[in-house]
PDB file of N, CA and C in Angstrom:
ATOM      1  N   MET A   1       8.453  -3.826   9.018  1.00  0.00           N
ATOM      2  CA  MET A   1       7.439  -3.266   8.155  1.00  0.00           C
ATOM      3  C   MET A   1       8.044  -2.074   7.432  1.00  0.00           C
ATOM      4  N   HIS A   2       7.790  -1.973   6.155  1.00  0.00           N
ATOM      5  CA  HIS A   2       8.294  -0.865   5.370  1.00  0.00           C
ATOM      6  C   HIS A   2       7.290   0.270   5.417  1.00  0.00           C
ATOM      7  N   GLU A   3       7.795   1.482   5.621  1.00  0.00           N
ATOM      8  CA  GLU A   3       6.924   2.634   5.713  1.00  0.00           C
ATOM      9  C   GLU A   3       7.261   3.667   4.645  1.00  0.00           C
ATOM     10  N   HIS A   4       7.725   3.249   3.489  1.00  0.00           N
ATOM     11  CA  HIS A   4       8.138   4.190   2.475  1.00  0.00           C
ATOM     12  C   HIS A   4       7.442   3.948   1.146  1.00  0.00           C
ATOM     13  N   GLN A   5       7.210   5.014   0.434  1.00  0.00           N
ATOM     14  CA  GLN A   5       6.675   4.990  -0.913  1.00  0.00           C
ATOM     15  C   GLN A   5       7.621   5.820  -1.774  1.00  0.00           C
ATOM     16  N   SER A   6       7.474   5.789  -3.085  1.00  0.00           N
ATOM     17  CA  SER A   6       8.329   6.563  -3.969  1.00  0.00           C
ATOM     18  C   SER A   6       7.739   7.936  -4.253  1.00  0.00           C
ATOM     19  N   ARG A   7       8.641   8.898  -4.433  1.00  0.00           N
ATOM     20  CA  ARG A   7       8.214  10.253  -4.781  1.00  0.00           C
ATOM     21  C   ARG A   7       9.011  10.701  -6.004  1.00  0.00           C
ATOM     22  N   CYS A   8       8.329  11.245  -6.984  1.00  0.00           N
ATOM     23  CA  CYS A   8       8.970  11.643  -8.240  1.00  0.00           C
ATOM     24  C   CYS A   8       9.540  13.049  -8.130  1.00  0.00           C
ATOM     25  N   PHE A   9      10.802  13.225  -8.557  1.00  0.00           N
ATOM     26  CA  PHE A   9      11.420  14.544  -8.598  1.00  0.00           C
ATOM     27  C   PHE A   9      11.515  15.058 -10.026  1.00  0.00           C
ATOM     28  N   ASP A  10      11.677  14.189 -10.974  1.00  0.00           N
ATOM     29  CA  ASP A  10      11.578  14.521 -12.385  1.00  0.00           C
ATOM     30  C   ASP A  10      11.082  13.267 -13.081  1.00  0.00           C
ATOM     31  N   ARG A  11      11.128  13.207 -14.376  1.00  0.00           N
ATOM     32  CA  ARG A  11      10.555  12.067 -15.088  1.00  0.00           C
ATOM     33  C   ARG A  11      11.239  10.738 -14.781  1.00  0.00           C
ATOM     34  N   ASN A  12      12.493  10.758 -14.361  1.00  0.00           N
ATOM     35  CA  ASN A  12      13.239   9.514 -14.181  1.00  0.00           C
ATOM     36  C   ASN A  12      13.842   9.336 -12.789  1.00  0.00           C
ATOM     37  N   THR A  13      13.599  10.249 -11.869  1.00  0.00           N
ATOM     38  CA  THR A  13      14.210  10.170 -10.553  1.00  0.00           C
ATOM     39  C   THR A  13      13.130  10.052  -9.486  1.00  0.00           C
ATOM     40  N   PHE A  14      13.257   9.039  -8.651  1.00  0.00           N
ATOM     41  CA  PHE A  14      12.313   8.818  -7.567  1.00  0.00           C
ATOM     42  C   PHE A  14      13.079   8.618  -6.271  1.00  0.00           C
ATOM     43  N   ARG A  15      12.499   8.986  -5.164  1.00  0.00           N
ATOM     44  CA  ARG A  15      13.069   8.663  -3.860  1.00  0.00           C
ATOM     45  C   ARG A  15      11.942   8.189  -2.959  1.00  0.00           C
ATOM     46  N   ARG A  16      12.293   7.446  -1.977  1.00  0.00           N
ATOM     47  CA  ARG A  16      11.289   6.933  -1.044  1.00  0.00           C
ATOM     48  C   ARG A  16      10.931   8.015  -0.036  1.00  0.00           C
ATOM     49  N   VAL A  17       9.662   8.039   0.341  1.00  0.00           N
ATOM     50  CA  VAL A  17       9.195   8.939   1.393  1.00  0.00           C
ATOM     51  C   VAL A  17       8.501   8.095   2.451  1.00  0.00           C
ATOM     52  N   SER A  18       8.404   8.615   3.645  1.00  0.00           N
ATOM     53  CA  SER A  18       7.763   7.883   4.732  1.00  0.00           C
ATOM     54  C   SER A  18       6.261   7.755   4.477  1.00  0.00           C
ATOM     55  N   ALA A  19       5.648   6.840   5.189  1.00  0.00           N
ATOM     56  CA  ALA A  19       4.197   6.678   5.095  1.00  0.00           C
ATOM     57  C   ALA A  19       3.500   7.971   5.525  1.00  0.00           C
ATOM     58  N   ARG A  20       4.067   8.650   6.506  1.00  0.00           N
ATOM     59  CA  ARG A  20       3.479   9.915   6.960  1.00  0.00           C
ATOM     60  C   ARG A  20       3.526  10.975   5.855  1.00  0.00           C
ATOM     61  N   GLU A  21       4.666  11.080   5.163  1.00  0.00           N
ATOM     62  CA  GLU A  21       4.790  12.055   4.087  1.00  0.00           C
ATOM     63  C   GLU A  21       3.853  11.686   2.928  1.00  0.00           C
ATOM     64  N   PHE A  22       3.811  10.404   2.574  1.00  0.00           N
ATOM     65  CA  PHE A  22       2.912   9.949   1.514  1.00  0.00           C
ATOM     66  C   PHE A  22       1.465  10.291   1.881  1.00  0.00           C
ATOM     67  N   ALA A  23       1.096  10.022   3.142  1.00  0.00           N
ATOM     68  CA  ALA A  23      -0.264  10.303   3.601  1.00  0.00           C
ATOM     69  C   ALA A  23      -0.563  11.795   3.545  1.00  0.00           C
ATOM     70  N   ARG A  24       0.391  12.606   3.974  1.00  0.00           N
ATOM     71  CA  ARG A  24       0.197  14.058   3.948  1.00  0.00           C
ATOM     72  C   ARG A  24      -0.052  14.529   2.515  1.00  0.00           C
ATOM     73  N   LEU A  25       0.755  14.049   1.581  1.00  0.00           N
ATOM     74  CA  LEU A  25       0.603  14.439   0.180  1.00  0.00           C
ATOM     75  C   LEU A  25      -0.709  13.938  -0.413  1.00  0.00           C
ATOM     76  N   ALA A  26      -1.188  12.777   0.063  1.00  0.00           N
ATOM     77  CA  ALA A  26      -2.421  12.184  -0.451  1.00  0.00           C
ATOM     78  C   ALA A  26      -3.664  12.673   0.295  1.00  0.00           C
ATOM     79  N   GLY A  27      -3.466  13.414   1.378  1.00  0.00           N
ATOM     80  CA  GLY A  27      -4.607  13.915   2.136  1.00  0.00           C
ATOM     81  C   GLY A  27      -5.304  12.846   2.955  1.00  0.00           C
ATOM     82  N   THR A  28      -4.526  11.901   3.499  1.00  0.00           N
ATOM     83  CA  THR A  28      -5.091  10.838   4.322  1.00  0.00           C
ATOM     84  C   THR A  28      -4.183  10.635   5.528  1.00  0.00           C
ATOM     85  N   SER A  29      -4.403   9.583   6.287  1.00  0.00           N
ATOM     86  CA  SER A  29      -3.577   9.330   7.467  1.00  0.00           C
ATOM     87  C   SER A  29      -2.509   8.282   7.178  1.00  0.00           C
ATOM     88  N   ALA A  30      -1.416   8.368   7.912  1.00  0.00           N
ATOM     89  CA  ALA A  30      -0.352   7.373   7.779  1.00  0.00           C
ATOM     90  C   ALA A  30      -0.867   6.001   8.200  1.00  0.00           C
ATOM     91  N   LYS A  31      -1.758   5.967   9.164  1.00  0.00           N
ATOM     92  CA  LYS A  31      -2.327   4.687   9.598  1.00  0.00           C
ATOM     93  C   LYS A  31      -3.082   4.009   8.461  1.00  0.00           C
ATOM     94  N   ARG A  32      -3.834   4.789   7.706  1.00  0.00           N
ATOM     95  CA  ARG A  32      -4.567   4.222   6.571  1.00  0.00           C
ATOM     96  C   ARG A  32      -3.591   3.742   5.497  1.00  0.00           C
ATOM     97  N   VAL A  33      -2.555   4.526   5.227  1.00  0.00           N
ATOM     98  CA  VAL A  33      -1.549   4.135   4.234  1.00  0.00           C
ATOM     99  C   VAL A  33      -0.925   2.802   4.629  1.00  0.00           C
ATOM    100  N   LEU A  34      -0.552   2.648   5.902  1.00  0.00           N
ATOM    101  CA  LEU A  34       0.079   1.400   6.345  1.00  0.00           C
ATOM    102  C   LEU A  34      -0.894   0.227   6.337  1.00  0.00           C
ATOM    103  N   ALA A  35      -2.154   0.477   6.674  1.00  0.00           N
ATOM    104  CA  ALA A  35      -3.149  -0.601   6.628  1.00  0.00           C
ATOM    105  C   ALA A  35      -3.352  -1.071   5.183  1.00  0.00           C
ATOM    106  N   LEU A  36      -3.379  -0.132   4.242  1.00  0.00           N
ATOM    107  CA  LEU A  36      -3.504  -0.502   2.826  1.00  0.00           C
ATOM    108  C   LEU A  36      -2.260  -1.240   2.346  1.00  0.00           C
ATOM    109  N   TRP A  37      -1.099  -0.788   2.791  1.00  0.00           N
ATOM    110  CA  TRP A  37       0.181  -1.444   2.456  1.00  0.00           C
ATOM    111  C   TRP A  37       0.156  -2.909   2.907  1.00  0.00           C
ATOM    112  N   GLN A  38      -0.280  -3.134   4.135  1.00  0.00           N
ATOM    113  CA  GLN A  38      -0.321  -4.494   4.665  1.00  0.00           C
ATOM    114  C   GLN A  38      -1.360  -5.343   3.946  1.00  0.00           C
ATOM    115  N   ALA A  39      -2.488  -4.757   3.584  1.00  0.00           N
ATOM    116  CA  ALA A  39      -3.516  -5.497   2.832  1.00  0.00           C
ATOM    117  C   ALA A  39      -2.959  -5.930   1.481  1.00  0.00           C
ATOM    118  N   TRP A  40      -2.265  -5.023   0.809  1.00  0.00           N
ATOM    119  CA  TRP A  40      -1.662  -5.355  -0.488  1.00  0.00           C
ATOM    120  C   TRP A  40      -0.687  -6.510  -0.327  1.00  0.00           C
ATOM    121  N   ASN A  41       0.131  -6.451   0.711  1.00  0.00           N
ATOM    122  CA  ASN A  41       1.128  -7.508   0.909  1.00  0.00           C
ATOM    123  C   ASN A  41       0.513  -8.842   1.328  1.00  0.00           C
ATOM    124  N   ARG A  42      -0.678  -8.813   1.935  1.00  0.00           N
ATOM    125  CA  ARG A  42      -1.387 -10.074   2.199  1.00  0.00           C
ATOM    126  C   ARG A  42      -1.765 -10.737   0.874  1.00  0.00           C
ATOM    127  N   LEU A  43      -2.254  -9.928  -0.055  1.00  0.00           N
ATOM    128  CA  LEU A  43      -2.575 -10.454  -1.377  1.00  0.00           C
ATOM    129  C   LEU A  43      -1.311 -10.947  -2.082  1.00  0.00           C
ATOM    130  N   ALA A  44      -0.224 -10.233  -1.908  1.00  0.00           N
ATOM    131  CA  ALA A  44       1.048 -10.633  -2.530  1.00  0.00           C
ATOM    132  C   ALA A  44       1.539 -11.955  -1.964  1.00  0.00           C
ATOM    133  N   ALA A  45       1.343 -12.175  -0.687  1.00  0.00           N
ATOM    134  CA  ALA A  45       1.781 -13.425  -0.047  1.00  0.00           C
ATOM    135  C   ALA A  45       1.060 -14.632  -0.643  1.00  0.00           C
ATOM    136  N   GLU A  46      -0.123 -14.408  -1.178  1.00  0.00           N
ATOM    137  CA  GLU A  46      -0.881 -15.480  -1.826  1.00  0.00           C
ATOM    138  C   GLU A  46      -0.586 -15.554  -3.324  1.00  0.00           C
ATOM    139  N   GLY A  47       0.306 -14.695  -3.804  1.00  0.00           N
ATOM    140  CA  GLY A  47       0.668 -14.703  -5.221  1.00  0.00           C
ATOM    141  C   GLY A  47      -0.339 -14.033  -6.134  1.00  0.00           C
ATOM    142  N   VAL A  48      -1.246 -13.255  -5.559  1.00  0.00           N
ATOM    143  CA  VAL A  48      -2.307 -12.610  -6.335  1.00  0.00           C
ATOM    144  C   VAL A  48      -1.802 -11.342  -7.028  1.00  0.00           C
ATOM    145  N   VAL A  49      -0.969 -10.575  -6.346  1.00  0.00           N
ATOM    146  CA  VAL A  49      -0.370  -9.339  -6.876  1.00  0.00           C
ATOM    147  C   VAL A  49       1.115  -9.367  -6.528  1.00  0.00           C
ATOM    148  N   PRO A  50       1.929  -8.561  -7.192  1.00  0.00           N
ATOM    149  CA  PRO A  50       3.343  -8.506  -6.831  1.00  0.00           C
ATOM    150  C   PRO A  50       3.523  -7.802  -5.478  1.00  0.00           C
ATOM    151  N   PRO A  51       4.582  -8.128  -4.739  1.00  0.00           N
ATOM    152  CA  PRO A  51       4.842  -7.435  -3.467  1.00  0.00           C
ATOM    153  C   PRO A  51       4.989  -5.932  -3.691  1.00  0.00           C
ATOM    154  N   ALA A  52       4.551  -5.149  -2.738  1.00  0.00           N
ATOM    155  CA  ALA A  52       4.598  -3.693  -2.868  1.00  0.00           C
ATOM    156  C   ALA A  52       6.012  -3.189  -3.137  1.00  0.00           C
ATOM    157  N   MET A  53       7.010  -3.759  -2.501  1.00  0.00           N
ATOM    158  CA  MET A  53       8.388  -3.299  -2.688  1.00  0.00           C
ATOM    159  C   MET A  53       8.923  -3.629  -4.081  1.00  0.00           C
ATOM    160  N   ALA A  54       8.283  -4.533  -4.798  1.00  0.00           N
ATOM    161  CA  ALA A  54       8.728  -4.891  -6.142  1.00  0.00           C
ATOM    162  C   ALA A  54       8.143  -3.956  -7.205  1.00  0.00           C
ATOM    163  N   LEU A  55       7.154  -3.158  -6.824  1.00  0.00           N
ATOM    164  CA  LEU A  55       6.514  -2.251  -7.780  1.00  0.00           C
ATOM    165  C   LEU A  55       7.401  -1.053  -8.072  1.00  0.00           C
ATOM    166  N   GLN A  56       7.314  -0.577  -9.269  1.00  0.00           N
ATOM    167  CA  GLN A  56       8.047   0.611  -9.705  1.00  0.00           C
ATOM    168  C   GLN A  56       7.029   1.641 -10.185  1.00  0.00           C
ATOM    169  N   PRO A  57       7.336   2.928 -10.040  1.00  0.00           N
ATOM    170  CA  PRO A  57       6.416   3.953 -10.550  1.00  0.00           C
ATOM    171  C   PRO A  57       6.124   3.725 -12.028  1.00  0.00           C
ATOM    172  N   GLY A  58       4.857   3.873 -12.374  1.00  0.00           N
ATOM    173  CA  GLY A  58       4.431   3.699 -13.753  1.00  0.00           C
ATOM    174  C   GLY A  58       4.089   2.263 -14.131  1.00  0.00           C
ATOM    175  N   THR A  59       4.277   1.325 -13.206  1.00  0.00           N
ATOM    176  CA  THR A  59       3.969  -0.072 -13.474  1.00  0.00           C
ATOM    177  C   THR A  59       2.462  -0.295 -13.364  1.00  0.00           C
ATOM    178  N   ASP A  60       1.888  -0.936 -14.364  1.00  0.00           N
ATOM    179  CA  ASP A  60       0.473  -1.295 -14.314  1.00  0.00           C
ATOM    180  C   ASP A  60       0.335  -2.690 -13.732  1.00  0.00           C
ATOM    181  N   VAL A  61      -0.584  -2.846 -12.798  1.00  0.00           N
ATOM    182  CA  VAL A  61      -0.844  -4.141 -12.173  1.00  0.00           C
ATOM    183  C   VAL A  61      -2.303  -4.481 -12.399  1.00  0.00           C
ATOM    184  N   GLU A  62      -2.550  -5.670 -12.929  1.00  0.00           N
ATOM    185  CA  GLU A  62      -3.927  -6.115 -13.100  1.00  0.00           C
ATOM    186  C   GLU A  62      -4.474  -6.507 -11.728  1.00  0.00           C
ATOM    187  N   LEU A  63      -5.527  -5.835 -11.324  1.00  0.00           N
ATOM    188  CA  LEU A  63      -6.102  -6.108 -10.010  1.00  0.00           C
ATOM    189  C   LEU A  63      -6.946  -7.373 -10.056  1.00  0.00           C
ATOM    190  N   PRO A  64      -6.973  -8.114  -8.947  1.00  0.00           N
ATOM    191  CA  PRO A  64      -7.735  -9.367  -8.912  1.00  0.00           C
ATOM    192  C   PRO A  64      -9.236  -9.116  -8.858  1.00  0.00           C
ATOM    193  N   ASP A  65      -9.992 -10.153  -9.171  1.00  0.00           N
ATOM    194  CA  ASP A  65     -11.443 -10.115  -9.094  1.00  0.00           C
ATOM    195  C   ASP A  65     -11.851  -9.821  -7.648  1.00  0.00           C
ATOM    196  N   ALA A  66     -12.617  -8.756  -7.451  1.00  0.00           N
ATOM    197  CA  ALA A  66     -13.011  -8.334  -6.108  1.00  0.00           C
ATOM    198  C   ALA A  66     -13.918  -9.345  -5.408  1.00  0.00           C
ATOM    199  N   LYS A  67     -14.637 -10.159  -6.177  1.00  0.00           N
ATOM    200  CA  LYS A  67     -15.491 -11.172  -5.544  1.00  0.00           C
ATOM    201  C   LYS A  67     -14.658 -12.337  -5.020  1.00  0.00           C
ATOM    202  N   GLN A  68     -13.615 -12.682  -5.745  1.00  0.00           N
ATOM    203  CA  GLN A  68     -12.752 -13.782  -5.320  1.00  0.00           C
ATOM    204  C   GLN A  68     -11.772 -13.334  -4.230  1.00  0.00           C
ATOM    205  N   TYR A  69     -11.286 -12.111  -4.338  1.00  0.00           N
ATOM    206  CA  TYR A  69     -10.328 -11.554  -3.380  1.00  0.00           C
ATOM    207  C   TYR A  69     -10.848 -10.216  -2.874  1.00  0.00           C
ATOM    208  N   PRO A  70     -11.838 -10.235  -1.970  1.00  0.00           N
ATOM    209  CA  PRO A  70     -12.417  -8.968  -1.495  1.00  0.00           C
ATOM    210  C   PRO A  70     -11.392  -8.150  -0.713  1.00  0.00           C
ATOM    211  N   PHE A  71     -11.309  -6.881  -1.039  1.00  0.00           N
ATOM    212  CA  PHE A  71     -10.359  -6.015  -0.341  1.00  0.00           C
ATOM    213  C   PHE A  71     -10.968  -5.520   0.960  1.00  0.00           C
ATOM    214  N   TYR A  72     -12.238  -5.146   0.926  1.00  0.00           N
ATOM    215  CA  TYR A  72     -12.925  -4.634   2.109  1.00  0.00           C
ATOM    216  C   TYR A  72     -13.967  -5.644   2.574  1.00  0.00           C
ATOM    217  N   GLY A  73     -14.509  -5.408   3.756  1.00  0.00           N
ATOM    218  CA  GLY A  73     -15.567  -6.264   4.278  1.00  0.00           C
ATOM    219  C   GLY A  73     -15.050  -7.295   5.259  1.00  0.00           C
ATOM    220  N   GLU A  74     -15.966  -8.116   5.727  1.00  0.00           N
ATOM    221  CA  GLU A  74     -15.673  -9.099   6.773  1.00  0.00           C
ATOM    222  C   GLU A  74     -14.523 -10.035   6.421  1.00  0.00           C
ATOM    223  N   ASN A  75     -14.473 -10.505   5.195  1.00  0.00           N
ATOM    224  CA  ASN A  75     -13.406 -11.417   4.772  1.00  0.00           C
ATOM    225  C   ASN A  75     -12.359 -10.728   3.897  1.00  0.00           C
ATOM    226  N   GLY A  76     -12.344  -9.392   3.941  1.00  0.00           N
ATOM    227  CA  GLY A  76     -11.434  -8.633   3.095  1.00  0.00           C
ATOM    228  C   GLY A  76     -10.001  -8.627   3.604  1.00  0.00           C
ATOM    229  N   TYR A  77      -9.111  -8.240   2.725  1.00  0.00           N
ATOM    230  CA  TYR A  77      -7.690  -8.192   3.046  1.00  0.00           C
ATOM    231  C   TYR A  77      -7.317  -6.918   3.804  1.00  0.00           C
ATOM    232  N   TYR A  78      -8.110  -5.859   3.653  1.00  0.00           N
ATOM    233  CA  TYR A  78      -7.861  -4.598   4.357  1.00  0.00           C
ATOM    234  C   TYR A  78      -8.398  -4.700   5.773  1.00  0.00           C
ATOM    235  N   ARG A  79      -7.556  -4.349   6.723  1.00  0.00           N
ATOM    236  CA  ARG A  79      -7.963  -4.331   8.131  1.00  0.00           C
ATOM    237  C   ARG A  79      -7.508  -3.008   8.728  1.00  0.00           C
ATOM    238  N   SER A  80      -8.455  -2.140   9.032  1.00  0.00           N
ATOM    239  CA  SER A  80      -8.107  -0.805   9.505  1.00  0.00           C
ATOM    240  C   SER A  80      -7.292  -0.850  10.795  1.00  0.00           C
ATOM    241  N   LEU A  81      -7.437  -1.894  11.568  1.00  0.00           N
ATOM    242  CA  LEU A  81      -6.682  -2.009  12.814  1.00  0.00           C
ATOM    243  C   LEU A  81      -5.182  -2.153  12.576  1.00  0.00           C
ATOM    244  N   ASP A  82      -4.770  -2.589  11.382  1.00  0.00           N
ATOM    245  CA  ASP A  82      -3.348  -2.744  11.083  1.00  0.00           C
ATOM    246  C   ASP A  82      -2.579  -1.448  11.251  1.00  0.00           C
ATOM    247  N   GLY A  83      -3.201  -0.346  10.967  1.00  0.00           N
ATOM    248  CA  GLY A  83      -2.529   0.939  11.052  1.00  0.00           C
ATOM    249  C   GLY A  83      -2.331   1.440  12.458  1.00  0.00           C
ATOM    250  N   ARG A  84      -2.948   0.807  13.414  1.00  0.00           N
ATOM    251  CA  ARG A  84      -2.854   1.282  14.793  1.00  0.00           C
ATOM    252  C   ARG A  84      -1.514   0.948  15.450  1.00  0.00           C
ATOM    253  N   SER A  85      -0.678   0.186  14.758  1.00  0.00           N
ATOM    254  CA  SER A  85       0.600  -0.210  15.361  1.00  0.00           C
ATOM    255  C   SER A  85       1.661   0.885  15.281  1.00  0.00           C
ATOM    256  N   ILE A  86       1.375   1.984  14.555  1.00  0.00           N
ATOM    257  CA  ILE A  86       2.350   3.059  14.495  1.00  0.00           C
ATOM    258  C   ILE A  86       1.996   4.119  15.532  1.00  0.00           C
ATOM    259  N   SER A  87       3.002   4.835  15.988  1.00  0.00           N
ATOM    260  CA  SER A  87       2.764   5.875  16.983  1.00  0.00           C
ATOM    261  C   SER A  87       2.126   7.090  16.323  1.00  0.00           C
ATOM    262  N   PRO A  88       1.445   7.927  17.118  1.00  0.00           N
ATOM    263  CA  PRO A  88       0.735   9.077  16.542  1.00  0.00           C
ATOM    264  C   PRO A  88       1.647  10.066  15.819  1.00  0.00           C
TER     265      PRO A  88
END
């Protein structure tokens, strides 16, 4: 599982940061970041969106119809339990 996101240092330079660092900067938990990461990649596995690792900063992605591909809810792609696999 990949636990890194990109961080901008200037207009053209990016480096990867851990899920924990990304979460700290975003004001959320690393567990939530990883659960969202896995949900995105579930959609990518079905060809609905590009894989997270293929995305580049500044890339626009057309999001799928929420009724056809629900992100949250009983049949949604997001599962909060996914984030529990990382240590505190």
